C-alpha atoms as a PDB file:
ATOM      1  CA  MET A   1      88.818 130.340  57.294  1.00  0.00           C
ATOM      2  CA  MET A   2      89.359 127.302  59.010  1.00  0.00           C
ATOM      3  CA  LEU A   3      88.119 123.872  57.897  1.00  0.00           C
ATOM      4  CA  TYR A   4      86.784 121.083  60.268  1.00  0.00           C
ATOM      5  CA  SER A   5      89.361 118.932  59.168  1.00  0.00           C
ATOM      6  CA  ASP A   6      92.185 121.506  60.078  1.00  0.00           C
ATOM      7  CA  VAL A   7      90.298 121.886  63.630  1.00  0.00           C
ATOM      8  CA  PHE A   8      90.635 118.020  64.030  1.00  0.00           C
ATOM      9  CA  MET A   9      94.195 117.937  63.042  1.00  0.00           C
ATOM     10  CA  GLN A  10      95.254 120.483  65.282  1.00  0.00           C
ATOM     11  CA  GLU A  11      93.196 118.950  68.073  1.00  0.00           C
ATOM     12  CA  ARG A  12      94.742 115.369  66.993  1.00  0.00           C
ATOM     13  CA  LYS A  13      98.640 117.058  67.627  1.00  0.00           C
ATOM     14  CA  VAL A  14      97.863 118.171  70.554  1.00  0.00           C
ATOM     15  CA  LYS A  15      96.764 115.012  71.984  1.00  0.00           C
ATOM     16  CA  ILE A  16      99.417 112.962  70.410  1.00  0.00           C
ATOM     17  CA  MET A  17     101.946 115.761  71.493  1.00  0.00           C
ATOM     18  CA  ASP A  18     101.425 114.584  75.109  1.00  0.00           C
ATOM     19  CA  PHE A  19     103.447 111.474  73.929  1.00  0.00           C
ATOM     20  CA  THR A  20     105.783 112.068  71.160  1.00  0.00           C
ATOM     21  CA  GLY A  21     109.128 112.246  71.693  1.00  0.00           C
ATOM     22  CA  GLU A  22     111.894 110.056  73.725  1.00  0.00           C
ATOM     23  CA  TRP A  23     111.275 108.155  76.899  1.00  0.00           C
ATOM     24  CA  HIS A  24     114.144 106.165  78.612  1.00  0.00           C
ATOM     25  CA  ILE A  25     112.653 103.219  80.240  1.00  0.00           C
ATOM     26  CA  TYR A  26     114.123 102.789  83.881  1.00  0.00           C
ATOM     27  CA  GLU A  27     112.181 100.098  85.559  1.00  0.00           C
ATOM     28  CA  MET A  28     110.614  96.881  83.707  1.00  0.00           C
ATOM     29  CA  GLU A  29     108.334  94.350  85.616  1.00  0.00           C
ATOM     30  CA  GLN A  30     109.898  91.313  84.024  1.00  0.00           C
ATOM     31  CA  SER A  31     113.744  92.757  83.387  1.00  0.00           C
ATOM     32  CA  ASP A  32     116.185  94.182  85.442  1.00  0.00           C
ATOM     33  CA  GLU A  33     118.269  97.103  84.483  1.00  0.00           C
ATOM     34  CA  ASP A  34     121.289  95.359  84.021  1.00  0.00           C
ATOM     35  CA  TYR A  35     119.536  93.538  81.178  1.00  0.00           C
ATOM     36  CA  PHE A  36     117.230  96.216  79.775  1.00  0.00           C
ATOM     37  CA  ASN A  37     120.140  98.976  78.988  1.00  0.00           C
ATOM     38  CA  MET A  38     122.269  95.725  78.138  1.00  0.00           C
ATOM     39  CA  ASP A  39     122.805  97.409  74.424  1.00  0.00           C
ATOM     40  CA  VAL A  40     121.686 100.685  74.646  1.00  0.00           C
ATOM     41  CA  GLN A  41     119.927 103.251  77.129  1.00  0.00           C
ATOM     42  CA  ALA A  42     116.254 101.399  76.919  1.00  0.00           C
ATOM     43  CA  TYR A  43     113.781 103.714  75.666  1.00  0.00           C
ATOM     44  CA  ILE A  44     110.426 104.244  73.698  1.00  0.00           C
ATOM     45  CA  MET A  45     110.145 106.807  70.426  1.00  0.00           C
ATOM     46  CA  ILE A  46     106.907 107.800  69.741  1.00  0.00           C
ATOM     47  CA  GLU A  47     106.526 110.025  66.554  1.00  0.00           C
ATOM     48  CA  PRO A  48     104.236 112.844  66.105  1.00  0.00           C
ATOM     49  CA  ASP A  49     102.287 110.510  62.980  1.00  0.00           C
ATOM     50  CA  ASN A  50     101.982 107.749  65.509  1.00  0.00           C
ATOM     51  CA  MET A  51     104.541 105.802  64.628  1.00  0.00           C
ATOM     52  CA  GLY A  52     107.770 105.106  66.251  1.00  0.00           C
ATOM     53  CA  HIS A  53     110.494 102.412  67.578  1.00  0.00           C
ATOM     54  CA  PHE A  54     112.075 101.175  70.891  1.00  0.00           C
ATOM     55  CA  GLN A  55     114.674  98.986  72.369  1.00  0.00           C
ATOM     56  CA  PHE A  56     115.173  97.250  75.770  1.00  0.00           C
ATOM     57  CA  GLY A  57     117.861  94.703  76.131  1.00  0.00           C
ATOM     58  CA  LEU A  58     118.379  92.806  72.758  1.00  0.00           C
ATOM     59  CA  VAL A  59     114.471  93.704  72.497  1.00  0.00           C
ATOM     60  CA  TYR A  60     113.839  96.189  69.248  1.00  0.00           C
ATOM     61  CA  GLY A  61     111.003  97.087  66.888  1.00  0.00           C
ATOM     62  CA  ASP A  62     108.910  99.668  65.156  1.00  0.00           C
ATOM     63  CA  ILE A  63     105.626 100.851  66.402  1.00  0.00           C
ATOM     64  CA  ASP A  64     102.166 101.794  64.955  1.00  0.00           C
ATOM     65  CA  GLY A  65      99.527 103.637  67.270  1.00  0.00           C
ATOM     66  CA  ARG A  66      96.981 105.847  68.262  1.00  0.00           C
ATOM     67  CA  ILE A  67      95.317 107.881  70.968  1.00  0.00           C
ATOM     68  CA  VAL A  68      92.470 106.098  72.859  1.00  0.00           C
ATOM     69  CA  GLU A  69      90.283 108.020  75.160  1.00  0.00           C
ATOM     70  CA  TYR A  70      89.413 106.059  78.224  1.00  0.00           C
ATOM     71  CA  ALA A  71      87.347 107.512  81.320  1.00  0.00           C
ATOM     72  CA  ASP A  72      90.314 108.136  83.433  1.00  0.00           C
ATOM     73  CA  GLY A  73      92.476 109.391  80.438  1.00  0.00           C
ATOM     74  CA  LYS A  74      93.680 109.034  77.456  1.00  0.00           C
ATOM     75  CA  ARG A  75      96.003 106.264  76.378  1.00  0.00           C
ATOM     76  CA  PHE A  76      98.543 105.890  73.584  1.00  0.00           C
ATOM     77  CA  GLU A  77      97.656 101.962  72.254  1.00  0.00           C
ATOM     78  CA  PHE A  78     100.364 100.693  69.776  1.00  0.00           C
ATOM     79  CA  THR A  79     101.241  97.302  68.216  1.00  0.00           C
ATOM     80  CA  PHE A  80     104.794  96.364  67.461  1.00  0.00           C
ATOM     81  CA  GLU A  81     107.124  93.991  65.455  1.00  0.00           C
ATOM     82  CA  GLY A  82     110.772  93.531  65.661  1.00  0.00           C
ATOM     83  CA  ASN A  83     113.192  91.257  66.875  1.00  0.00           C
ATOM     84  CA  GLU A  84     114.676  89.668  69.765  1.00  0.00           C
ATOM     85  CA  GLU A  85     117.827  87.746  69.493  1.00  0.00           C
ATOM     86  CA  CYS A  86     117.365  87.363  65.663  1.00  0.00           C
ATOM     87  CA  ASP A  87     113.817  85.669  66.181  1.00  0.00           C
ATOM     88  CA  HIS A  88     110.740  87.667  64.788  1.00  0.00           C
ATOM     89  CA  VAL A  89     108.313  89.014  67.590  1.00  0.00           C
ATOM     90  CA  PHE A  90     105.423  90.786  67.414  1.00  0.00           C
ATOM     91  CA  GLY A  91     102.872  92.201  70.253  1.00  0.00           C
ATOM     92  CA  SER A  92     100.799  95.293  71.370  1.00  0.00           C
ATOM     93  CA  GLY A  93     100.935  97.329  74.234  1.00  0.00           C
ATOM     94  CA  TRP A  94      99.972 101.252  75.829  1.00  0.00           C
ATOM     95  CA  VAL A  95     101.729 103.705  77.519  1.00  0.00           C
ATOM     96  CA  LYS A  96      99.686 106.474  79.654  1.00  0.00           C
ATOM     97  CA  ILE A  97     100.962 109.618  81.188  1.00  0.00           C
ATOM     98  CA  LYS A  98     101.683 108.606  85.115  1.00  0.00           C
ATOM     99  CA  GLU A  99     102.999 112.291  86.052  1.00  0.00           C
ATOM    100  CA  LYS A 100     104.752 114.887  84.485  1.00  0.00           C
ATOM    101  CA  ASP A 101     107.530 113.452  82.277  1.00  0.00           C
ATOM    102  CA  VAL A 102     106.846 109.749  83.603  1.00  0.00           C
ATOM    103  CA  LEU A 103     104.998 107.198  81.059  1.00  0.00           C
ATOM    104  CA  GLU A 104     103.426 103.952  82.460  1.00  0.00           C
ATOM    105  CA  GLY A 105     103.224 101.226  79.819  1.00  0.00           C
ATOM    106  CA  GLU A 106     102.782  97.624  79.076  1.00  0.00           C
ATOM    107  CA  PHE A 107     104.598  95.586  76.121  1.00  0.00           C
ATOM    108  CA  ARG A 108     102.874  92.279  75.484  1.00  0.00           C
ATOM    109  CA  PHE A 109     104.395  89.748  73.202  1.00  0.00           C
ATOM    110  CA  HIS A 110     101.587  87.757  70.911  1.00  0.00           C
ATOM    111  CA  LEU A 111     101.610  84.402  72.499  1.00  0.00           C
ATOM    112  CA  GLY A 112     104.842  85.381  75.487  1.00  0.00           C
ATOM    113  CA  ASP A 113     105.570  86.896  78.277  1.00  0.00           C
ATOM    114  CA  SER A 114     104.336  90.429  79.361  1.00  0.00           C
ATOM    115  CA  SER A 115     106.026  93.290  81.322  1.00  0.00           C
ATOM    116  CA  THR A 116     104.930  96.636  82.419  1.00  0.00           C
ATOM    117  CA  PHE A 117     107.352  99.434  82.585  1.00  0.00           C
ATOM    118  CA  LEU A 118     108.055 103.222  83.771  1.00  0.00           C
ATOM    119  CA  ALA A 119     110.124 105.529  81.496  1.00  0.00           C
ATOM    120  CA  ARG A 120     111.049 109.417  81.809  1.00  0.00           C
ATOM    121  CA  ARG A 121     111.129 111.887  79.035  1.00  0.00           C
ATOM    122  CA  ALA A 122     114.705 112.520  77.260  1.00  0.00           C
ATOM    123  CA  LYS A 123     115.974 115.556  78.156  1.00  0.00           C
END
């Protein structure tokens, strides 16, 4: 017999699985490719437990997120904390599925810049 909590967890996993994995950032509104790929291939990694991490340019951090339903679809919204050239940074962001294997999203730095981006699912 399946419990309500089991069904809820299965539905939740199906939703988060749409976003899980490593995504390579290939376009950023506020940075060119020379910057965002300067240290490593820019990426965002989303784990099944709604946690993850990212790096672009000299910015890296950990994320903590959740799925949020909107009339036009679902988004994975997150907060982040990390470093930019040894300075502590934090903020928020979101991603949504733009098309098969492509994410559209945004990083918003607390009291700082924001940048939209596009990312492809890593193979």
